[in-house]
Amino acid sequence: MIEAQQWHPVALSDAVVSAPLPVRLLDQELVLWRDAQGQVQAFVDRCPHRGARLSLGRVQDGQLECPYHGWQFASGGQCVKVPAVPAFVPPAKHCVASYGVQEAHGLVWVQLATDAEGQPATPLPVFEAEADERLRKLNCGPYDVEASAPRIIENFLDMSHFGFVHEGWLGSRDATEMSHYEVETTERGVKATGCKAIQPQSNLHSTKPAEVDYTYEVTAPYTALLTKVPESGSSKQGWREAIGLFVCPVTPDRSRVWFRLAVADFDSTDEQLQQFQHTIFTQDQPVLESQMPKPLPLDAKAELNSPADRMSVAYRRYLKASGVTFGVC
């Protein structure tokens, strides 16, 4: 499936330390660990000898050791030691499946499949604000959500729920009308510009209600970005921010979510910035978990739409054209 060729976030980088870490991606059990060079490795979480979970083992002398019989596996998955037979040299077939790994945006990313030549089939999702030294970066999450990854992305792209789900924060019931905004197809996905919202408290430092300008972009099936700039005088001088939503599709109807914040705020604590984002997302979460069907319908007639849903419709078309099948119906 096409999703296996995408890069997916599976853990915070600082969660992969001295012990093996079990994670789940696209319904597959994996184990993350760091080798002697500090590089993260991603293996199937099953020893090829007798099927024990490698995540119950330990990292010994830069190798991943199985908890059952102590078989040790090096970077790349090759078995290098069988303690019961010290003189035995494990052949090439004595190995565990390993996958591509990258670290970016404070997260560990895994790719389960490559192209026919064994090269990464797709690039890592882009978060352009990462390179902006004028913005401070930090992560929020993870959040474990009983909802499909596409449902979570679509909610992030939707502004017409602000006055109801985020009343008193990102919207109010007396200002729910949405003005026209533009949607375009890009090389990476879809993008919406000119999105306007009147918000009582658009960010941690809002001093009064303000019109906020949003830009949304989908850069991979389960990745979405936004930038938001409140009108002058409504917040801390020079306030602007970018937020990346990175979703790990754990199962077709369960996901793990991280937000990457890039903000022009070097005064607030991490906890203060994270708490604001936490408040917003935990308002979304029960609604997301209530949606039926759990998968996101790609049939244009499956759910009703209005002109306010142009970005949502464009996202569904993008998923359909991309051949995505995990978390959709």
Protein backbone atom coordinates (compact mmCIF):
# COMPACT_ATOMS: atom_id res chain seq x y z
CA MET A 1 0.00 0.00 0.00
CA ILE A 2 1.09 3.56 -0.74
CA GLU A 3 1.07 4.48 2.97
CA ALA A 4 4.00 2.13 3.62
CA GLN A 5 6.13 4.29 1.32
CA GLN A 6 5.43 7.43 3.36
CA TRP A 7 7.46 8.63 6.34
CA HIS A 8 5.46 8.50 9.58
CA PRO A 9 6.20 9.89 13.07
CA VAL A 10 6.28 7.15 15.68
CA ALA A 11 7.93 8.63 18.80
CA LEU A 12 9.58 11.68 20.29
CA SER A 13 13.33 11.54 19.69
CA ASP A 14 14.05 11.95 23.39
CA ALA A 15 11.81 8.96 24.17
CA VAL A 16 14.30 6.63 22.48
CA VAL A 17 17.13 6.44 24.98
CA SER A 18 18.84 3.43 26.55
CA ALA A 19 15.97 0.92 26.47
CA PRO A 20 14.08 -0.52 23.49
CA LEU A 21 10.79 1.27 22.81
CA PRO A 22 7.75 -0.51 21.34
CA VAL A 23 5.64 1.44 18.83
CA ARG A 24 2.90 0.58 16.36
CA LEU A 25 2.59 1.86 12.81
CA LEU A 26 0.10 0.86 10.12
CA ASP A 27 -1.00 -2.09 12.25
CA GLN A 28 2.57 -3.36 12.59
CA GLU A 29 4.43 -3.79 15.88
CA LEU A 30 7.90 -2.22 15.80
CA VAL A 31 10.72 -1.67 18.26
CA LEU A 32 12.97 1.40 18.31
CA TRP A 33 16.45 1.44 19.84
CA ARG A 34 19.73 3.35 19.56
CA ASP A 35 22.91 1.65 18.41
CA ALA A 36 26.45 2.36 19.63
CA GLN A 37 26.66 5.40 17.31
CA GLY A 38 23.43 6.85 18.72
CA GLN A 39 21.47 6.13 15.55
CA VAL A 40 17.85 5.04 15.96
CA GLN A 41 17.02 1.63 14.52
CA ALA A 42 13.51 0.35 13.73
CA PHE A 43 12.93 -3.41 13.70
CA VAL A 44 9.92 -5.66 13.60
CA ASP A 45 9.13 -6.29 17.26
CA ARG A 46 9.50 -10.05 16.96
CA CYS A 47 12.62 -12.17 17.27
CA PRO A 48 12.98 -14.43 14.19
CA HIS A 49 14.22 -17.24 16.46
CA ARG A 50 11.15 -17.99 18.62
CA GLY A 51 8.94 -14.96 18.19
CA ALA A 52 9.52 -13.12 21.49
CA ARG A 53 9.01 -9.37 21.57
CA LEU A 54 12.39 -7.69 21.16
CA SER A 55 11.08 -4.62 22.98
CA LEU A 56 11.20 -6.70 26.19
CA GLY A 57 14.95 -7.10 25.74
CA ARG A 58 17.79 -4.65 26.23
CA VAL A 59 20.56 -2.90 24.35
CA GLN A 60 23.84 -4.65 25.15
CA ASP A 61 27.20 -3.48 23.76
CA GLY A 62 25.48 -1.58 20.97
CA GLN A 63 23.32 -4.54 19.91
CA LEU A 64 19.65 -5.30 20.52
CA GLU A 65 19.38 -8.39 22.72
CA CYS A 66 16.33 -10.68 22.66
CA PRO A 67 14.86 -11.27 26.15
CA TYR A 68 14.25 -14.99 25.50
CA HIS A 69 17.54 -16.57 24.40
CA GLY A 70 19.82 -13.54 24.26
CA TRP A 71 20.31 -13.48 20.51
CA GLN A 72 21.86 -10.14 19.59
CA PHE A 73 21.10 -8.09 16.50
CA ALA A 74 23.24 -5.33 15.05
CA SER A 75 22.20 -2.18 13.19
CA GLY A 76 20.40 -3.22 10.04
CA GLY A 77 19.00 -6.38 11.65
CA GLN A 78 21.72 -8.98 11.24
CA CYS A 79 22.10 -11.47 14.10
CA VAL A 80 25.67 -11.31 15.39
CA LYS A 81 25.56 -13.51 18.50
CA VAL A 82 23.84 -16.70 19.67
CA PRO A 83 24.94 -17.16 23.33
CA ALA A 84 24.02 -20.87 23.46
CA VAL A 85 26.49 -21.57 20.65
CA PRO A 86 29.35 -19.05 21.02
CA ALA A 87 31.30 -20.37 18.02
CA PHE A 88 28.29 -20.22 15.69
CA VAL A 89 28.50 -17.55 13.00
CA PRO A 90 24.93 -16.58 12.09
CA PRO A 91 24.36 -16.62 8.32
CA ALA A 92 22.75 -13.71 6.45
CA LYS A 93 19.27 -15.23 6.75
CA HIS A 94 19.51 -14.97 10.55
CA CYS A 95 18.19 -11.43 10.66
CA VAL A 96 15.22 -9.36 11.72
CA ALA A 97 13.37 -7.03 9.34
CA SER A 98 14.50 -3.43 9.71
CA TYR A 99 13.11 -0.20 8.30
CA GLY A 100 14.21 3.27 7.28
CA VAL A 101 14.54 5.81 10.09
CA GLN A 102 15.05 9.57 10.22
CA GLU A 103 14.97 12.07 13.04
CA ALA A 104 13.41 15.46 12.34
CA HIS A 105 11.18 18.03 14.10
CA GLY A 106 11.99 16.37 17.43
CA LEU A 107 10.46 13.10 16.25
CA VAL A 108 11.52 9.69 15.00
CA TRP A 109 10.11 8.92 11.54
CA VAL A 110 9.83 5.43 10.04
CA GLN A 111 9.24 4.25 6.48
CA LEU A 112 8.08 0.66 6.02
CA ALA A 113 8.69 0.32 2.27
CA THR A 114 11.10 1.68 -0.33
CA ASP A 115 10.88 1.81 -4.11
CA ALA A 116 11.96 -0.97 -6.48
CA GLU A 117 15.60 0.14 -6.23
CA GLY A 118 15.54 0.15 -2.44
CA GLN A 119 15.57 3.94 -2.21
CA PRO A 120 13.16 6.03 -0.11
CA ALA A 121 10.01 6.36 -2.19
CA THR A 122 8.90 9.71 -0.75
CA PRO A 123 10.63 12.60 1.04
CA LEU A 124 10.04 13.50 4.66
CA PRO A 125 7.04 15.84 5.08
CA VAL A 126 8.10 19.48 4.94
CA PHE A 127 7.81 21.93 7.84
CA GLU A 128 9.40 25.10 6.50
CA ALA A 129 9.16 26.98 9.81
CA GLU A 130 11.72 24.56 11.24
CA ALA A 131 14.51 26.49 9.50
CA ASP A 132 13.35 29.91 10.74
CA GLU A 133 15.72 30.86 13.56
CA ARG A 134 13.39 33.68 14.62
CA LEU A 135 10.86 31.11 15.81
CA ARG A 136 11.09 28.91 18.88
CA LYS A 137 10.24 25.24 18.38
CA LEU A 138 8.75 22.69 20.73
CA ASN A 139 6.51 19.64 20.55
CA CYS A 140 3.13 18.89 22.12
CA GLY A 141 1.96 15.33 22.60
CA PRO A 142 1.68 12.53 22.01
CA TYR A 143 -2.09 12.22 22.08
CA ASP A 144 -3.61 8.79 21.56
CA VAL A 145 -6.89 9.26 19.72
CA GLU A 146 -9.60 6.76 18.81
CA ALA A 147 -10.01 8.25 15.35
CA SER A 148 -8.49 7.65 11.93
CA ALA A 149 -5.54 9.78 10.85
CA PRO A 150 -7.44 11.38 7.93
CA ARG A 151 -10.32 12.41 10.24
CA ILE A 152 -7.77 14.16 12.49
CA ILE A 153 -6.10 15.95 9.58
CA GLU A 154 -9.45 17.07 8.16
CA ASN A 155 -10.49 18.50 11.54
CA PHE A 156 -7.25 20.50 11.67
CA LEU A 157 -8.06 22.00 8.25
CA ASP A 158 -11.60 22.98 9.26
CA MET A 159 -12.41 26.49 10.53
CA SER A 160 -16.20 26.37 10.61
CA HIS A 161 -16.21 24.41 13.88
CA PHE A 162 -14.31 27.12 15.81
CA GLY A 163 -17.39 28.88 17.18
CA PHE A 164 -18.85 25.64 18.53
CA VAL A 165 -16.01 23.33 19.61
CA HIS A 166 -13.63 26.16 20.62
CA GLU A 167 -16.16 28.74 21.77
CA GLY A 168 -14.50 31.51 23.77
CA TRP A 169 -11.09 30.53 22.42
CA LEU A 170 -10.80 30.27 18.65
CA GLY A 171 -14.35 31.35 17.88
CA SER A 172 -17.77 32.45 19.10
CA ARG A 173 -21.33 31.57 18.10
CA ASP A 174 -22.09 35.15 17.06
CA ALA A 175 -19.27 35.22 14.50
CA THR A 176 -19.38 31.94 12.61
CA GLU A 177 -19.78 33.20 9.04
CA MET A 178 -16.81 32.25 6.86
CA SER A 179 -15.59 34.47 4.06
CA HIS A 180 -14.38 33.03 0.76
CA TYR A 181 -10.91 31.51 0.76
CA GLU A 182 -8.75 30.06 -2.00
CA VAL A 183 -7.72 26.43 -2.38
CA GLU A 184 -5.01 25.24 -4.75
CA THR A 185 -3.26 22.01 -5.60
CA THR A 186 0.49 22.00 -4.98
CA GLU A 187 3.33 19.62 -5.84
CA ARG A 188 3.10 18.25 -2.29
CA GLY A 189 -0.65 18.29 -1.67
CA VAL A 190 -3.24 21.05 -1.24
CA LYS A 191 -3.14 24.56 0.21
CA ALA A 192 -5.73 27.07 1.45
CA THR A 193 -5.01 30.80 1.69
CA GLY A 194 -6.97 33.85 2.74
CA CYS A 195 -8.70 32.02 5.59
CA LYS A 196 -10.08 34.53 8.10
CA ALA A 197 -11.51 33.97 11.55
CA ILE A 198 -12.62 36.29 14.36
CA GLN A 199 -11.18 34.80 17.53
CA PRO A 200 -11.68 35.77 21.20
CA GLN A 201 -8.27 34.33 22.13
CA SER A 202 -6.20 33.32 19.15
CA ASN A 203 -3.09 32.53 21.18
CA LEU A 204 -1.60 32.58 24.64
CA HIS A 205 -0.86 36.33 24.46
CA SER A 206 -4.11 37.63 22.95
CA THR A 207 -5.14 40.95 24.51
CA LYS A 208 -8.49 41.26 22.74
CA PRO A 209 -10.63 39.54 20.09
CA ALA A 210 -9.04 39.75 16.68
CA GLU A 211 -9.31 38.72 13.06
CA VAL A 212 -6.67 36.09 12.38
CA ASP A 213 -5.31 35.17 8.96
CA TYR A 214 -4.68 31.45 8.44
CA THR A 215 -2.86 29.51 5.76
CA TYR A 216 -3.30 25.73 5.70
CA GLU A 217 -1.25 23.21 3.77
CA VAL A 218 -1.30 19.43 3.46
CA THR A 219 2.18 18.15 2.61
CA ALA A 220 1.62 14.39 3.04
CA PRO A 221 -1.47 12.21 3.62
CA TYR A 222 -1.19 12.45 7.40
CA THR A 223 0.65 15.79 7.75
CA ALA A 224 -0.87 19.28 7.82
CA LEU A 225 0.60 22.70 8.55
CA LEU A 226 -0.85 26.05 9.41
CA THR A 227 0.45 29.55 9.87
CA LYS A 228 -1.60 32.15 11.71
CA VAL A 229 -1.07 35.88 12.08
CA PRO A 230 -3.44 37.96 14.25
CA GLU A 231 -4.25 41.54 13.28
CA SER A 232 -1.89 44.20 14.59
CA GLY A 233 -2.44 45.32 18.17
CA SER A 234 -4.36 42.25 19.27
CA SER A 235 -1.47 40.27 20.67
CA LYS A 236 2.16 40.40 21.69
CA GLN A 237 4.14 42.62 19.32
CA GLY A 238 5.39 40.60 16.36
CA TRP A 239 3.41 37.49 17.29
CA ARG A 240 3.19 34.86 14.59
CA GLU A 241 3.23 31.12 14.67
CA ALA A 242 3.31 27.99 12.60
CA ILE A 243 1.96 24.63 13.73
CA GLY A 244 2.72 21.25 12.21
CA LEU A 245 0.29 18.41 12.82
CA PHE A 246 2.04 15.04 12.47
CA VAL A 247 -0.18 11.98 12.80
CA CYS A 248 0.96 8.37 13.17
CA PRO A 249 -1.65 5.98 11.71
CA VAL A 250 -1.52 3.27 14.36
CA THR A 251 -4.53 1.29 13.11
CA PRO A 252 -7.23 2.26 10.60
CA ASP A 253 -9.24 3.87 13.41
CA ARG A 254 -6.62 4.75 16.02
CA SER A 255 -3.87 7.36 15.81
CA ARG A 256 -1.06 8.99 17.75
CA VAL A 257 -0.76 12.76 17.34
CA TRP A 258 1.98 15.34 17.78
CA PHE A 259 1.97 19.10 17.25
CA ARG A 260 5.17 20.95 16.39
CA LEU A 261 4.98 24.61 17.44
CA ALA A 262 7.12 27.34 15.91
CA VAL A 263 6.33 30.59 17.69
CA ALA A 264 7.73 34.11 18.12
CA ASP A 265 7.61 33.75 21.89
CA PHE A 266 10.80 33.27 23.87
CA ASP A 267 9.32 34.42 27.19
CA SER A 268 6.65 31.83 28.02
CA THR A 269 7.60 28.48 29.46
CA ASP A 270 7.27 25.29 27.45
CA GLU A 271 4.47 24.25 29.77
CA GLN A 272 2.49 27.44 29.10
CA LEU A 273 2.74 27.08 25.33
CA GLN A 274 1.95 23.39 25.46
CA GLN A 275 -1.03 23.94 27.75
CA PHE A 276 -2.69 26.30 25.29
CA GLN A 277 -2.34 23.76 22.48
CA HIS A 278 -3.46 21.00 24.85
CA THR A 279 -6.63 22.92 25.67
CA ILE A 280 -7.51 23.35 22.01
CA PHE A 281 -6.87 19.75 21.01
CA THR A 282 -8.66 18.19 23.96
CA GLN A 283 -11.72 20.20 22.93
CA ASP A 284 -11.46 18.54 19.50
CA GLN A 285 -10.74 15.03 20.74
CA PRO A 286 -14.19 13.89 21.97
CA VAL A 287 -15.81 15.14 18.77
CA LEU A 288 -13.21 13.35 16.65
CA GLU A 289 -13.74 10.13 18.57
CA SER A 290 -17.51 10.41 18.08
CA GLN A 291 -17.43 10.63 14.28
CA MET A 292 -18.92 7.78 12.29
CA PRO A 293 -17.80 6.05 10.24
CA LYS A 294 -14.34 5.99 11.77
CA PRO A 295 -12.61 5.99 8.36
CA LEU A 296 -12.83 9.18 6.32
CA PRO A 297 -15.26 8.67 3.40
CA LEU A 298 -13.75 9.53 0.02
CA ASP A 299 -16.97 9.06 -1.94
CA ALA A 300 -18.19 12.58 -2.73
CA LYS A 301 -21.77 11.54 -1.93
CA ALA A 302 -21.04 9.85 1.40
CA GLU A 303 -21.30 13.02 3.51
CA LEU A 304 -22.84 16.42 2.86
CA ASN A 305 -20.74 19.51 2.11
CA SER A 306 -21.14 23.28 2.03
CA PRO A 307 -19.00 26.01 0.44
CA ALA A 308 -17.18 26.31 3.80
CA ASP A 309 -15.77 22.80 3.22
CA ARG A 310 -13.65 23.55 0.14
CA MET A 311 -10.39 22.59 1.85
CA SER A 312 -11.90 19.41 3.27
CA VAL A 313 -13.18 18.39 -0.15
CA ALA A 314 -9.78 19.14 -1.71
CA TYR A 315 -8.06 17.01 0.95
CA ARG A 316 -10.37 14.07 0.25
CA ARG A 317 -9.70 14.37 -3.48
CA TYR A 318 -5.97 14.47 -2.79
CA LEU A 319 -6.15 11.28 -0.70
CA LYS A 320 -8.14 9.52 -3.39
CA ALA A 321 -5.71 10.57 -6.12
CA SER A 322 -2.77 9.48 -3.97
CA GLY A 323 -4.14 5.95 -3.62
CA VAL A 324 -4.38 6.10 0.16
CA THR A 325 -6.42 3.24 1.64
CA PHE A 326 -5.50 3.24 5.37
CA GLY A 327 -8.04 5.15 7.46
CA VAL A 328 -10.38 5.93 4.58
CA CYS A 329 -13.43 4.26 3.08
